[in-house]
Protein backbone atom coordinates (compact mmCIF):
# COMPACT_ATOMS: atom_id res chain seq x y z
CA MET A 1 -14.84 77.34 46.80
CA ARG A 2 -12.41 76.00 49.41
CA GLN A 3 -11.96 77.98 52.60
CA ARG A 4 -8.57 78.55 54.08
CA PRO A 5 -7.58 76.58 57.19
CA VAL A 6 -8.19 78.11 60.60
CA HIS A 7 -4.88 79.49 61.83
CA PRO A 8 -4.07 80.49 65.38
CA SER A 9 -4.13 84.16 66.30
CA GLU A 10 -1.37 85.98 68.11
CA ASN A 11 -3.56 85.91 71.25
CA ARG A 12 -3.85 82.15 71.35
CA LEU A 13 -6.76 81.05 73.50
CA VAL A 14 -6.35 77.31 73.27
CA THR A 15 -6.05 75.95 76.79
CA VAL A 16 -4.72 72.56 75.74
CA SER A 17 -1.78 71.66 73.58
CA ILE A 18 -2.96 70.38 70.22
CA ASP A 19 -0.59 69.03 67.61
CA ARG A 20 -2.15 70.62 64.53
CA ASP A 21 -0.16 68.35 62.22
CA ARG A 22 -2.03 65.30 63.47
CA SER A 23 -5.53 64.12 62.58
CA LEU A 24 -8.46 63.44 64.90
CA ASP A 25 -7.90 59.74 64.30
CA GLU A 26 -4.33 60.14 65.57
CA LEU A 27 -5.07 62.56 68.40
CA GLU A 28 -7.96 60.54 69.76
CA ARG A 29 -6.12 57.25 69.15
CA ASP A 30 -9.35 55.89 67.73
CA PRO A 31 -9.14 55.56 63.94
CA TRP A 32 -12.49 55.07 62.28
CA GLN A 33 -13.05 52.34 59.77
CA ALA A 34 -13.81 53.37 56.19
CA PRO A 35 -17.43 54.40 55.78
CA PRO A 36 -19.77 51.86 54.22
CA PRO A 37 -20.23 52.12 50.44
CA ASP A 38 -23.79 53.40 50.87
CA ALA A 39 -22.81 56.07 53.42
CA THR A 40 -24.45 59.46 53.17
CA ARG A 41 -22.39 62.43 52.01
CA LEU A 42 -22.31 63.70 55.61
CA VAL A 43 -20.94 60.42 56.96
CA ALA A 44 -18.36 60.11 54.16
CA THR A 45 -17.25 63.71 54.71
CA ALA A 46 -16.92 63.28 58.48
CA HIS A 47 -14.82 60.15 57.98
CA ALA A 48 -12.57 61.95 55.51
CA LEU A 49 -12.15 64.98 57.78
CA ARG A 50 -11.10 62.78 60.70
CA SER A 51 -8.02 61.72 58.75
CA ARG A 52 -6.86 65.26 57.86
CA PRO A 53 -4.46 67.21 60.09
CA VAL A 54 -6.61 69.36 62.39
CA GLY A 55 -4.53 72.39 61.46
CA THR A 56 -5.88 72.16 57.90
CA LEU A 57 -9.55 72.16 58.91
CA THR A 58 -11.58 75.14 57.72
CA VAL A 59 -14.42 76.91 59.53
CA GLU A 60 -16.86 74.76 57.55
CA ASP A 61 -15.00 71.58 58.51
CA LEU A 62 -15.11 72.57 62.18
CA ARG A 63 -18.80 73.44 61.93
CA LEU A 64 -19.67 70.13 60.34
CA LEU A 65 -17.71 67.98 62.79
CA ILE A 66 -18.75 69.90 65.90
CA SER A 67 -22.41 69.85 64.87
CA GLN A 68 -22.11 66.04 64.79
CA ASP A 69 -20.36 65.95 68.21
CA ILE A 70 -17.20 64.56 66.62
CA GLY A 71 -13.83 65.25 68.21
CA LEU A 72 -15.09 67.90 70.60
CA PRO A 73 -12.13 67.83 73.05
CA VAL A 74 -9.81 68.61 70.14
CA LEU A 75 -12.03 70.78 67.95
CA LEU A 76 -13.79 73.01 70.49
CA PRO A 77 -10.55 74.78 71.46
CA LEU A 78 -9.82 75.38 67.77
CA ALA A 79 -13.34 76.66 67.19
CA VAL A 80 -13.21 79.03 70.18
CA GLU A 81 -9.88 80.30 68.86
CA ALA A 82 -11.44 80.94 65.43
CA LEU A 83 -14.45 82.63 67.06
CA HIS A 84 -12.15 84.88 69.06
CA ASP A 85 -10.72 86.11 65.75
CA ASN A 86 -14.12 86.29 64.02
CA PRO A 87 -17.20 85.62 66.19
CA LEU A 88 -19.44 85.36 63.15
CA ALA A 89 -17.12 83.09 61.17
CA GLU A 90 -19.07 81.49 58.37
CA GLY A 91 -18.86 78.02 56.90
CA HIS A 92 -21.17 77.10 54.04
CA MET A 93 -24.46 77.75 55.82
CA TYR A 94 -24.77 81.34 57.07
CA GLU A 95 -22.93 84.05 58.96
CA GLY A 96 -22.31 82.77 62.49
CA ASP A 97 -22.87 79.09 61.67
CA LEU A 98 -19.73 78.00 63.53
CA LEU A 99 -20.82 80.00 66.57
CA CYS A 100 -24.23 78.36 66.40
CA ALA A 101 -22.72 74.87 66.18
CA VAL A 102 -20.54 75.58 69.21
CA LEU A 103 -23.27 77.24 71.29
CA ILE A 104 -25.75 74.39 71.01
CA ARG A 105 -23.49 71.69 72.43
CA THR A 106 -24.96 70.21 75.60
CA SER A 107 -24.31 71.65 79.05
CA THR A 108 -22.42 68.42 79.83
CA VAL A 109 -19.89 69.33 77.14
CA TRP A 110 -19.35 72.75 78.66
CA SER A 111 -19.11 71.41 82.22
CA THR A 112 -16.14 69.30 81.08
CA HIS A 113 -14.57 72.34 79.36
CA PRO A 114 -15.22 75.23 81.79
CA GLU A 115 -12.34 77.40 80.57
CA LEU A 116 -13.56 77.19 76.98
CA ALA A 117 -17.09 78.01 78.19
CA ARG A 118 -15.70 81.07 79.99
CA GLN A 119 -13.82 82.19 76.89
CA LEU A 120 -16.90 81.72 74.73
CA THR A 121 -19.01 83.67 77.23
CA VAL A 122 -16.61 86.60 76.89
CA ILE A 123 -16.73 86.37 73.09
CA VAL A 124 -20.53 86.32 72.88
CA GLY A 125 -20.83 89.02 75.55
CA ALA A 126 -19.19 91.47 73.16
CA LEU A 127 -21.59 90.76 70.28
CA SER A 128 -24.49 92.94 69.27
CA GLY A 129 -26.92 93.05 66.38
CA LEU A 130 -27.32 89.27 66.22
CA SER A 131 -30.19 87.63 64.40
CA PRO A 132 -33.04 86.69 66.75
CA ASP A 133 -32.17 82.99 66.40
CA LEU A 134 -28.48 83.45 67.19
CA ARG A 135 -29.28 85.86 70.03
CA SER A 136 -31.62 83.25 71.54
CA GLN A 137 -28.96 80.53 71.29
CA THR A 138 -26.40 82.87 72.84
CA GLU A 139 -28.72 83.66 75.75
CA ARG A 140 -29.44 79.95 76.31
CA PHE A 141 -25.72 79.15 76.30
CA VAL A 142 -24.85 81.93 78.76
CA GLY A 143 -27.72 80.94 81.04
CA ALA A 144 -26.73 77.27 81.01
CA VAL A 145 -23.08 78.07 81.72
CA GLN A 146 -23.98 80.41 84.58
CA ASN A 147 -26.31 77.81 86.12
CA SER A 148 -23.78 74.96 85.98
C-alpha cells in the first residue's frame, strides 16, 4: 500500500524555503551514483528516494531517509511539519515511527537546527499516553535540547 505524500499544513512550520518539486540530489547539489548491483534493498531504496521530488515523499520515505541520516537539512523541516499535523505519523513500522526517527538524531544535528528543535519540543510536550520506549526517547531529546 502506497502512502500519500506529506503535504504542508495551513500553519506551515518550515523555517527554510524548500523547493518541493526538486529532489535531494538537486537540492543538495550532490547527486549520488547508481547503487552497486549487489546493493541491499535499503541502499537501493535510499538511492531511488534521493532522486524523487521531496514533495512526493511519504511519511515512510522520510522515516527511512532520516533514520539513515540522509538529507537532514532538507528533510527534518518536512518531518517536523508532518509531525505538527500528526505527532504519531506512521510509516511502515509502528505508530510514531517518524517521531522516533527524528528524536534519535544526534544532539549535533539539533544544535545546527535550533528552531526545528524548539518546534519539536513543543510538539512532544503536548503528547501523552506514549509507549514507554517513545516516552523515553522523547525525554532524552528534550533533555539534550535543554542542555545544549
